[in-house]
Amino acid sequence: QLCSKLAISQATTDGSERVEALGRLTVCYTIGSIIGPTVGGILGGSGDYYFAAKIAVAGSILSTLLTLLMPSPSSVAPIITN
């Protein structure tokens, strides 16, 4: 979570834009921490543990692909300090 906050701080230059991006990040973490265990419990409770594991693997692969598509640090706007 610290790395994502640092990335947002470096990618945003305006204070209000940074606050909005960090707020969205917090909402995403909160929703994920609620929905993830709920879905895992439902899938695991059905008795098919392999299906739940396959869903987890698919999510990990999707996350990895999205991470690889992120812009490189050289294409992010530099931080302007006074």
Protein backbone atom coordinates (compact mmCIF):
# COMPACT_ATOMS: atom_id res chain seq x y z
CA GLN A 1 0.00 0.00 0.00
CA LEU A 2 2.90 2.33 0.68
CA CYS A 3 4.32 1.85 -2.82
CA SER A 4 1.00 2.68 -4.45
CA LYS A 5 0.67 5.86 -2.39
CA LEU A 6 4.21 6.86 -3.37
CA ALA A 7 3.43 6.22 -7.05
CA ILE A 8 0.32 8.40 -6.84
CA SER A 9 2.29 11.15 -5.12
CA GLN A 10 4.88 11.12 -7.89
CA ALA A 11 2.33 10.93 -10.72
CA THR A 12 0.21 13.86 -9.53
CA THR A 13 1.38 17.43 -9.28
CA ASP A 14 -1.75 19.23 -8.11
CA GLY A 15 -2.69 18.89 -4.45
CA SER A 16 -6.42 18.43 -5.07
CA GLU A 17 -5.72 15.83 -7.78
CA ARG A 18 -3.47 13.94 -5.36
CA VAL A 19 -6.10 13.96 -2.62
CA GLU A 20 -8.72 12.64 -5.05
CA ALA A 21 -6.42 9.86 -6.30
CA LEU A 22 -5.46 8.78 -2.77
CA GLY A 23 -9.13 8.78 -1.77
CA ARG A 24 -10.00 6.52 -4.70
CA LEU A 25 -7.13 4.21 -3.79
CA THR A 26 -8.41 3.93 -0.22
CA VAL A 27 -11.93 3.16 -1.46
CA CYS A 28 -10.59 0.43 -3.76
CA TYR A 29 -8.61 -1.19 -0.93
CA THR A 30 -11.66 -1.07 1.34
CA ILE A 31 -14.01 -2.56 -1.24
CA GLY A 32 -11.47 -5.28 -2.06
CA SER A 33 -11.02 -6.20 1.59
CA ILE A 34 -14.79 -6.60 1.96
CA ILE A 35 -15.65 -8.31 -1.32
CA GLY A 36 -12.61 -10.61 -1.54
CA PRO A 37 -13.19 -12.66 1.62
CA THR A 38 -16.93 -12.71 0.98
CA VAL A 39 -16.55 -14.16 -2.52
CA GLY A 40 -13.83 -16.54 -1.30
CA GLY A 41 -16.08 -17.78 1.49
CA ILE A 42 -18.99 -18.33 -0.87
CA LEU A 43 -16.84 -20.18 -3.41
CA GLY A 44 -15.02 -22.18 -0.74
CA GLY A 45 -18.26 -23.01 1.05
CA SER A 46 -19.60 -24.66 -2.06
CA GLY A 47 -16.96 -27.37 -1.63
CA ASP A 48 -15.09 -26.67 -4.87
CA TYR A 49 -11.79 -25.29 -3.61
CA TYR A 50 -10.15 -25.58 -7.02
CA PHE A 51 -12.65 -23.18 -8.57
CA ALA A 52 -11.89 -20.58 -5.90
CA ALA A 53 -8.16 -21.09 -6.51
CA LYS A 54 -8.64 -20.68 -10.27
CA ILE A 55 -10.46 -17.38 -9.69
CA ALA A 56 -7.59 -16.21 -7.48
CA VAL A 57 -5.02 -17.16 -10.13
CA ALA A 58 -7.01 -15.35 -12.83
CA GLY A 59 -7.13 -12.24 -10.65
CA SER A 60 -3.38 -12.41 -10.05
CA ILE A 61 -2.67 -12.77 -13.76
CA LEU A 62 -4.96 -9.85 -14.56
CA SER A 63 -3.24 -7.74 -11.91
CA THR A 64 0.18 -8.61 -13.34
CA LEU A 65 -0.89 -7.71 -16.87
CA LEU A 66 -2.33 -4.39 -15.75
CA THR A 67 0.88 -3.63 -13.87
CA LEU A 68 2.94 -4.31 -16.98
CA LEU A 69 0.77 -1.87 -18.93
CA MET A 70 1.42 0.98 -16.49
CA PRO A 71 3.45 3.89 -17.86
CA SER A 72 7.17 3.88 -17.17
CA PRO A 73 8.51 6.39 -14.62
CA SER A 74 10.17 8.39 -17.42
CA SER A 75 6.76 9.13 -18.99
CA VAL A 76 5.29 10.44 -15.71
CA ALA A 77 5.33 14.19 -15.24
CA PRO A 78 8.22 15.34 -13.05
CA ILE A 79 7.56 16.81 -9.65
CA ILE A 80 8.04 20.55 -9.59
CA THR A 81 9.41 21.92 -6.33
CA ASN A 82 10.00 25.54 -5.44
